[in-house]
PDB file of N, CA and C in Angstrom:
ATOM      1  N   MET A   1       0.848  -1.181   0.000  1.00  0.00           N
ATOM      2  CA  MET A   1       0.000   0.000   0.000  1.00  0.00           C
ATOM      3  C   MET A   1       0.889   1.239   0.000  1.00  0.00           C
ATOM      4  N   SER A   2       0.433   2.262  -0.619  1.00  0.00           N
ATOM      5  CA  SER A   2       1.284   3.433  -0.795  1.00  0.00           C
ATOM      6  C   SER A   2       1.079   4.510   0.268  1.00  0.00           C
ATOM      7  N   HIS A   3       0.090   4.395   1.133  1.00  0.00           N
ATOM      8  CA  HIS A   3      -0.152   5.412   2.156  1.00  0.00           C
ATOM      9  C   HIS A   3       0.891   5.286   3.270  1.00  0.00           C
ATOM     10  N   PRO A   4       1.414   6.417   3.775  1.00  0.00           N
ATOM     11  CA  PRO A   4       2.440   6.381   4.825  1.00  0.00           C
ATOM     12  C   PRO A   4       2.006   5.633   6.091  1.00  0.00           C
ATOM     13  N   PHE A   5       0.732   5.576   6.362  1.00  0.00           N
ATOM     14  CA  PHE A   5       0.239   4.867   7.545  1.00  0.00           C
ATOM     15  C   PHE A   5       0.646   3.394   7.511  1.00  0.00           C
ATOM     16  N   PHE A   6       0.749   2.822   6.316  1.00  0.00           N
ATOM     17  CA  PHE A   6       1.036   1.404   6.168  1.00  0.00           C
ATOM     18  C   PHE A   6       2.526   1.103   5.999  1.00  0.00           C
ATOM     19  N   ASP A   7       3.400   2.121   6.117  1.00  0.00           N
ATOM     20  CA  ASP A   7       4.840   1.887   6.024  1.00  0.00           C
ATOM     21  C   ASP A   7       5.284   0.935   7.128  1.00  0.00           C
ATOM     22  N   GLY A   8       6.106  -0.016   6.784  1.00  0.00           N
ATOM     23  CA  GLY A   8       6.631  -0.954   7.770  1.00  0.00           C
ATOM     24  C   GLY A   8       5.786  -2.194   7.966  1.00  0.00           C
ATOM     25  N   ILE A   9       4.660  -2.285   7.292  1.00  0.00           N
ATOM     26  CA  ILE A   9       3.808  -3.470   7.398  1.00  0.00           C
ATOM     27  C   ILE A   9       4.172  -4.422   6.271  1.00  0.00           C
ATOM     28  N   HIS A  10       4.526  -5.630   6.638  1.00  0.00           N
ATOM     29  CA  HIS A  10       4.892  -6.654   5.661  1.00  0.00           C
ATOM     30  C   HIS A  10       3.654  -7.513   5.397  1.00  0.00           C
ATOM     31  N   TRP A  11       2.932  -7.189   4.353  1.00  0.00           N
ATOM     32  CA  TRP A  11       1.639  -7.810   4.081  1.00  0.00           C
ATOM     33  C   TRP A  11       1.750  -9.303   3.777  1.00  0.00           C
ATOM     34  N   ASN A  12       2.837  -9.736   3.181  1.00  0.00           N
ATOM     35  CA  ASN A  12       2.977 -11.154   2.833  1.00  0.00           C
ATOM     36  C   ASN A  12       3.153 -12.049   4.055  1.00  0.00           C
ATOM     37  N   THR A  13       3.649 -11.495   5.160  1.00  0.00           N
ATOM     38  CA  THR A  13       3.881 -12.292   6.374  1.00  0.00           C
ATOM     39  C   THR A  13       3.112 -11.751   7.569  1.00  0.00           C
ATOM     40  N   ILE A  14       2.076 -10.970   7.338  1.00  0.00           N
ATOM     41  CA  ILE A  14       1.369 -10.307   8.436  1.00  0.00           C
ATOM     42  C   ILE A  14       0.741 -11.302   9.423  1.00  0.00           C
ATOM     43  N   ARG A  15       0.308 -12.464   8.964  1.00  0.00           N
ATOM     44  CA  ARG A  15      -0.305 -13.459   9.858  1.00  0.00           C
ATOM     45  C   ARG A  15       0.727 -14.172  10.727  1.00  0.00           C
ATOM     46  N   ASP A  16       1.981 -14.061  10.396  1.00  0.00           N
ATOM     47  CA  ASP A  16       3.040 -14.684  11.186  1.00  0.00           C
ATOM     48  C   ASP A  16       3.596 -13.754  12.264  1.00  0.00           C
ATOM     49  N   GLU A  17       3.254 -12.473  12.203  1.00  0.00           N
ATOM     50  CA  GLU A  17       3.780 -11.493  13.145  1.00  0.00           C
ATOM     51  C   GLU A  17       2.985 -11.492  14.447  1.00  0.00           C
ATOM     52  N   GLU A  18       3.629 -11.043  15.513  1.00  0.00           N
ATOM     53  CA  GLU A  18       2.998 -10.925  16.834  1.00  0.00           C
ATOM     54  C   GLU A  18       2.008  -9.757  16.802  1.00  0.00           C
ATOM     55  N   PRO A  19       0.739  -9.979  17.215  1.00  0.00           N
ATOM     56  CA  PRO A  19      -0.235  -8.881  17.204  1.00  0.00           C
ATOM     57  C   PRO A  19       0.086  -7.870  18.306  1.00  0.00           C
ATOM     58  N   PRO A  20      -0.288  -6.600  18.121  1.00  0.00           N
ATOM     59  CA  PRO A  20      -0.042  -5.584  19.146  1.00  0.00           C
ATOM     60  C   PRO A  20      -0.883  -5.812  20.403  1.00  0.00           C
ATOM     61  N   TYR A  21      -2.011  -6.479  20.258  1.00  0.00           N
ATOM     62  CA  TYR A  21      -2.876  -6.803  21.400  1.00  0.00           C
ATOM     63  C   TYR A  21      -3.471  -8.175  21.155  1.00  0.00           C
ATOM     64  N   ASP A  22      -3.358  -9.044  22.138  1.00  0.00           N
ATOM     65  CA  ASP A  22      -3.877 -10.404  22.023  1.00  0.00           C
ATOM     66  C   ASP A  22      -4.918 -10.607  23.125  1.00  0.00           C
ATOM     67  N   PRO A  23      -6.196 -10.421  22.808  1.00  0.00           N
ATOM     68  CA  PRO A  23      -7.234 -10.527  23.835  1.00  0.00           C
ATOM     69  C   PRO A  23      -7.387 -11.957  24.342  1.00  0.00           C
ATOM     70  N   ASN A  24      -7.783 -12.097  25.591  1.00  0.00           N
ATOM     71  CA  ASN A  24      -8.047 -13.406  26.172  1.00  0.00           C
ATOM     72  C   ASN A  24      -9.453 -13.832  25.747  1.00  0.00           C
ATOM     73  N   VAL A  25      -9.532 -14.834  24.875  1.00  0.00           N
ATOM     74  CA  VAL A  25     -10.808 -15.328  24.364  1.00  0.00           C
ATOM     75  C   VAL A  25     -11.007 -16.740  24.883  1.00  0.00           C
ATOM     76  N   LYS A  26     -12.114 -16.949  25.620  1.00  0.00           N
ATOM     77  CA  LYS A  26     -12.366 -18.234  26.265  1.00  0.00           C
ATOM     78  C   LYS A  26     -13.067 -19.237  25.355  1.00  0.00           C
ATOM     79  N   SER A  27     -13.869 -18.747  24.418  1.00  0.00           N
ATOM     80  CA  SER A  27     -14.604 -19.623  23.514  1.00  0.00           C
ATOM     81  C   SER A  27     -14.974 -18.832  22.264  1.00  0.00           C
ATOM     82  N   ILE A  28     -15.563 -19.510  21.298  1.00  0.00           N
ATOM     83  CA  ILE A  28     -15.904 -18.875  20.029  1.00  0.00           C
ATOM     84  C   ILE A  28     -16.958 -17.770  20.185  1.00  0.00           C
ATOM     85  N   ASP A  29     -17.811 -17.894  21.198  1.00  0.00           N
ATOM     86  CA  ASP A  29     -18.848 -16.881  21.389  1.00  0.00           C
ATOM     87  C   ASP A  29     -18.591 -16.014  22.628  1.00  0.00           C
ATOM     88  N   ASP A  30     -17.344 -15.928  23.071  1.00  0.00           N
ATOM     89  CA  ASP A  30     -16.967 -15.106  24.220  1.00  0.00           C
ATOM     90  C   ASP A  30     -17.028 -13.631  23.840  1.00  0.00           C
ATOM     91  N   THR A  31     -17.848 -12.875  24.548  1.00  0.00           N
ATOM     92  CA  THR A  31     -17.990 -11.440  24.282  1.00  0.00           C
ATOM     93  C   THR A  31     -17.506 -10.600  25.459  1.00  0.00           C
ATOM     94  N   SER A  32     -16.695 -11.178  26.334  1.00  0.00           N
ATOM     95  CA  SER A  32     -16.256 -10.478  27.537  1.00  0.00           C
ATOM     96  C   SER A  32     -15.344  -9.292  27.232  1.00  0.00           C
ATOM     97  N   ASN A  33     -14.800  -9.196  26.035  1.00  0.00           N
ATOM     98  CA  ASN A  33     -13.945  -8.073  25.673  1.00  0.00           C
ATOM     99  C   ASN A  33     -14.731  -6.883  25.120  1.00  0.00           C
ATOM    100  N   PHE A  34     -16.049  -7.001  25.082  1.00  0.00           N
ATOM    101  CA  PHE A  34     -16.902  -5.919  24.594  1.00  0.00           C
ATOM    102  C   PHE A  34     -17.675  -5.301  25.748  1.00  0.00           C
ATOM    103  N   ASP A  35     -18.037  -4.044  25.608  1.00  0.00           N
ATOM    104  CA  ASP A  35     -18.813  -3.346  26.622  1.00  0.00           C
ATOM    105  C   ASP A  35     -20.208  -3.940  26.733  1.00  0.00           C
ATOM    106  N   GLU A  36     -20.744  -3.906  27.944  1.00  0.00           N
ATOM    107  CA  GLU A  36     -22.121  -4.336  28.191  1.00  0.00           C
ATOM    108  C   GLU A  36     -23.064  -3.179  27.854  1.00  0.00           C
ATOM    109  N   PHE A  37     -24.237  -3.487  27.335  1.00  0.00           N
ATOM    110  CA  PHE A  37     -25.257  -2.474  27.120  1.00  0.00           C
ATOM    111  C   PHE A  37     -26.622  -3.112  27.327  1.00  0.00           C
ATOM    112  N   ALA A  38     -27.554  -2.317  27.749  1.00  0.00           N
ATOM    113  CA  ALA A  38     -28.906  -2.805  28.001  1.00  0.00           C
ATOM    114  C   ALA A  38     -29.587  -3.100  26.668  1.00  0.00           C
ATOM    115  N   GLU A  39     -30.254  -4.230  26.581  1.00  0.00           N
ATOM    116  CA  GLU A  39     -30.922  -4.619  25.339  1.00  0.00           C
ATOM    117  C   GLU A  39     -32.084  -3.690  24.988  1.00  0.00           C
ATOM    118  N   ASP A  40     -32.652  -3.021  25.974  1.00  0.00           N
ATOM    119  CA  ASP A  40     -33.825  -2.186  25.697  1.00  0.00           C
ATOM    120  C   ASP A  40     -33.459  -0.749  25.344  1.00  0.00           C
ATOM    121  N   GLU A  41     -32.177  -0.428  25.228  1.00  0.00           N
ATOM    122  CA  GLU A  41     -31.800   0.913  24.805  1.00  0.00           C
ATOM    123  C   GLU A  41     -32.217   1.132  23.362  1.00  0.00           C
ATOM    124  N   SER A  42     -32.861   2.219  23.103  1.00  0.00           N
ATOM    125  CA  SER A  42     -33.298   2.500  21.750  1.00  0.00           C
ATOM    126  C   SER A  42     -33.274   4.003  21.515  1.00  0.00           C
ATOM    127  N   PRO A  43     -32.673   4.458  20.413  1.00  0.00           N
ATOM    128  CA  PRO A  43     -32.687   5.884  20.121  1.00  0.00           C
ATOM    129  C   PRO A  43     -34.052   6.356  19.630  1.00  0.00           C
ATOM    130  N   PHE A  44     -34.938   5.424  19.335  1.00  0.00           N
ATOM    131  CA  PHE A  44     -36.269   5.768  18.834  1.00  0.00           C
ATOM    132  C   PHE A  44     -37.163   6.150  19.999  1.00  0.00           C
ATOM    133  N   ASN A  45     -37.755   7.321  19.969  1.00  0.00           N
ATOM    134  CA  ASN A  45     -38.589   7.780  21.071  1.00  0.00           C
ATOM    135  C   ASN A  45     -40.081   7.640  20.788  1.00  0.00           C
ATOM    136  N   GLY A  46     -40.455   7.045  19.683  1.00  0.00           N
ATOM    137  CA  GLY A  46     -41.859   6.808  19.389  1.00  0.00           C
ATOM    138  C   GLY A  46     -42.478   7.821  18.445  1.00  0.00           C
ATOM    139  N   ALA A  47     -41.888   9.003  18.324  1.00  0.00           N
ATOM    140  CA  ALA A  47     -42.445  10.030  17.448  1.00  0.00           C
ATOM    141  C   ALA A  47     -41.814   9.926  16.072  1.00  0.00           C
ATOM    142  N   ILE A  48     -42.639   9.889  15.052  1.00  0.00           N
ATOM    143  CA  ILE A  48     -42.161   9.803  13.683  1.00  0.00           C
ATOM    144  C   ILE A  48     -42.529  11.082  12.956  1.00  0.00           C
ATOM    145  N   ASP A  49     -41.535  11.756  12.416  1.00  0.00           N
ATOM    146  CA  ASP A  49     -41.762  12.951  11.613  1.00  0.00           C
ATOM    147  C   ASP A  49     -41.884  12.499  10.162  1.00  0.00           C
ATOM    148  N   THR A  50     -43.117  12.313   9.695  1.00  0.00           N
ATOM    149  CA  THR A  50     -43.328  11.766   8.346  1.00  0.00           C
ATOM    150  C   THR A  50     -42.847  12.720   7.257  1.00  0.00           C
ATOM    151  N   ALA A  51     -42.761  13.999   7.560  1.00  0.00           N
ATOM    152  CA  ALA A  51     -42.245  14.935   6.565  1.00  0.00           C
ATOM    153  C   ALA A  51     -40.745  14.734   6.375  1.00  0.00           C
ATOM    154  N   LYS A  52     -40.078  14.286   7.421  1.00  0.00           N
ATOM    155  CA  LYS A  52     -38.630  14.101   7.372  1.00  0.00           C
ATOM    156  C   LYS A  52     -38.249  12.667   7.004  1.00  0.00           C
ATOM    157  N   ASP A  53     -38.956  11.694   7.567  1.00  0.00           N
ATOM    158  CA  ASP A  53     -38.644  10.281   7.341  1.00  0.00           C
ATOM    159  C   ASP A  53     -39.413   9.766   6.128  1.00  0.00           C
ATOM    160  N   THR A  54     -38.745   8.982   5.326  1.00  0.00           N
ATOM    161  CA  THR A  54     -39.415   8.385   4.182  1.00  0.00           C
ATOM    162  C   THR A  54     -39.929   7.006   4.564  1.00  0.00           C
ATOM    163  N   VAL A  55     -40.780   6.441   3.751  1.00  0.00           N
ATOM    164  CA  VAL A  55     -41.374   5.136   4.034  1.00  0.00           C
ATOM    165  C   VAL A  55     -40.294   4.062   4.123  1.00  0.00           C
ATOM    166  N   ARG A  56     -39.277   4.107   3.277  1.00  0.00           N
ATOM    167  CA  ARG A  56     -38.244   3.069   3.318  1.00  0.00           C
ATOM    168  C   ARG A  56     -37.413   3.151   4.593  1.00  0.00           C
ATOM    169  N   ASP A  57     -37.301   4.315   5.211  1.00  0.00           N
ATOM    170  CA  ASP A  57     -36.570   4.445   6.468  1.00  0.00           C
ATOM    171  C   ASP A  57     -37.331   3.836   7.635  1.00  0.00           C
ATOM    172  N   LEU A  58     -38.628   3.723   7.544  1.00  0.00           N
ATOM    173  CA  LEU A  58     -39.424   3.174   8.639  1.00  0.00           C
ATOM    174  C   LEU A  58     -39.078   1.712   8.923  1.00  0.00           C
ATOM    175  N   ALA A  59     -38.567   1.012   7.942  1.00  0.00           N
ATOM    176  CA  ALA A  59     -38.193  -0.387   8.151  1.00  0.00           C
ATOM    177  C   ALA A  59     -37.020  -0.528   9.107  1.00  0.00           C
ATOM    178  N   PHE A  60     -36.270   0.541   9.349  1.00  0.00           N
ATOM    179  CA  PHE A  60     -35.078   0.470  10.198  1.00  0.00           C
ATOM    180  C   PHE A  60     -35.295   1.034  11.600  1.00  0.00           C
ATOM    181  N   ILE A  61     -36.491   1.388  11.952  1.00  0.00           N
ATOM    182  CA  ILE A  61     -36.761   1.880  13.299  1.00  0.00           C
ATOM    183  C   ILE A  61     -36.577   0.727  14.279  1.00  0.00           C
ATOM    184  N   ASN A  62     -35.829   0.977  15.337  1.00  0.00           N
ATOM    185  CA  ASN A  62     -35.489  -0.009  16.377  1.00  0.00           C
ATOM    186  C   ASN A  62     -34.605  -1.142  15.860  1.00  0.00           C
ATOM    187  N   TYR A  63     -33.971  -0.967  14.718  1.00  0.00           N
ATOM    188  CA  TYR A  63     -33.085  -1.990  14.180  1.00  0.00           C
ATOM    189  C   TYR A  63     -31.743  -1.935  14.895  1.00  0.00           C
ATOM    190  N   THR A  64     -31.260  -3.084  15.329  1.00  0.00           N
ATOM    191  CA  THR A  64     -29.947  -3.200  15.953  1.00  0.00           C
ATOM    192  C   THR A  64     -29.183  -4.280  15.220  1.00  0.00           C
ATOM    193  N   TYR A  65     -28.000  -3.960  14.767  1.00  0.00           N
ATOM    194  CA  TYR A  65     -27.184  -4.932  14.050  1.00  0.00           C
ATOM    195  C   TYR A  65     -26.453  -5.817  15.041  1.00  0.00           C
ATOM    196  N   LYS A  66     -26.643  -7.115  14.921  1.00  0.00           N
ATOM    197  CA  LYS A  66     -25.913  -8.097  15.715  1.00  0.00           C
ATOM    198  C   LYS A  66     -25.456  -9.185  14.769  1.00  0.00           C
ATOM    199  N   ARG A  67     -24.165  -9.377  14.663  1.00  0.00           N
ATOM    200  CA  ARG A  67     -23.647 -10.344  13.706  1.00  0.00           C
ATOM    201  C   ARG A  67     -23.399 -11.682  14.397  1.00  0.00           C
ATOM    202  N   PHE A  68     -24.195 -12.670  14.028  1.00  0.00           N
ATOM    203  CA  PHE A  68     -24.014 -14.017  14.538  1.00  0.00           C
ATOM    204  C   PHE A  68     -23.739 -15.000  13.402  1.00  0.00           C
ATOM    205  N   ASP A  69     -23.908 -14.561  12.158  1.00  0.00           N
ATOM    206  CA  ASP A  69     -23.630 -15.449  11.042  1.00  0.00           C
ATOM    207  C   ASP A  69     -22.117 -15.618  10.897  1.00  0.00           C
ATOM    208  N   ASN A  70     -21.706 -16.704  10.285  1.00  0.00           N
ATOM    209  CA  ASN A  70     -20.294 -17.011  10.085  1.00  0.00           C
ATOM    210  C   ASN A  70     -19.525 -17.130  11.394  1.00  0.00           C
ATOM    211  N   LEU A  71     -20.195 -17.546  12.442  1.00  0.00           N
ATOM    212  CA  LEU A  71     -19.555 -17.711  13.743  1.00  0.00           C
ATOM    213  C   LEU A  71     -18.876 -19.081  13.736  1.00  0.00           C
ATOM    214  N   THR A  72     -17.613 -19.072  13.386  1.00  0.00           N
ATOM    215  CA  THR A  72     -16.863 -20.329  13.267  1.00  0.00           C
ATOM    216  C   THR A  72     -15.563 -20.233  14.043  1.00  0.00           C
ATOM    217  N   THR A  73     -14.827 -21.301  14.072  1.00  0.00           N
ATOM    218  CA  THR A  73     -13.540 -21.327  14.768  1.00  0.00           C
ATOM    219  C   THR A  73     -12.397 -20.892  13.863  1.00  0.00           C
ATOM    220  N   ARG A  74     -12.682 -20.497  12.629  1.00  0.00           N
ATOM    221  CA  ARG A  74     -11.616 -20.106  11.699  1.00  0.00           C
ATOM    222  C   ARG A  74     -10.790 -18.943  12.215  1.00  0.00           C
ATOM    223  N   GLY A  75     -11.403 -18.034  12.944  1.00  0.00           N
ATOM    224  CA  GLY A  75     -10.684 -16.850  13.406  1.00  0.00           C
ATOM    225  C   GLY A  75      -9.827 -17.085  14.630  1.00  0.00           C
ATOM    226  N   LEU A  76      -9.969 -18.222  15.305  1.00  0.00           N
ATOM    227  CA  LEU A  76      -9.202 -18.488  16.514  1.00  0.00           C
ATOM    228  C   LEU A  76      -7.888 -19.179  16.150  1.00  0.00           C
ATOM    229  N   HIS A  77      -6.779 -18.570  16.528  1.00  0.00           N
ATOM    230  CA  HIS A  77      -5.462 -19.132  16.228  1.00  0.00           C
ATOM    231  C   HIS A  77      -4.743 -19.445  17.528  1.00  0.00           C
ATOM    232  N   ARG A  78      -5.276 -20.303  18.319  1.00  0.00           N
ATOM    233  CA  ARG A  78      -4.652 -20.624  19.613  1.00  0.00           C
ATOM    234  C   ARG A  78      -4.236 -22.061  19.649  1.00  0.00           C
TER     235      ARG A  78
END
């Protein structure tokens, strides 16, 4: 890569290098390294401004992204 931020990174051997931080992961679904948050937190207060919001945006009210697909052991190198 040509950006100065990437100077010194050896892309061909990057998986063989020591990571700058190695989190303690107990299992494939261990989330202890992430912050806790209440499941009922929602930025939606119930009022919809129909002049501002379009119909296609209404499908995303109270939507929270949680990625559980592709949860495999491929990412664990221990």
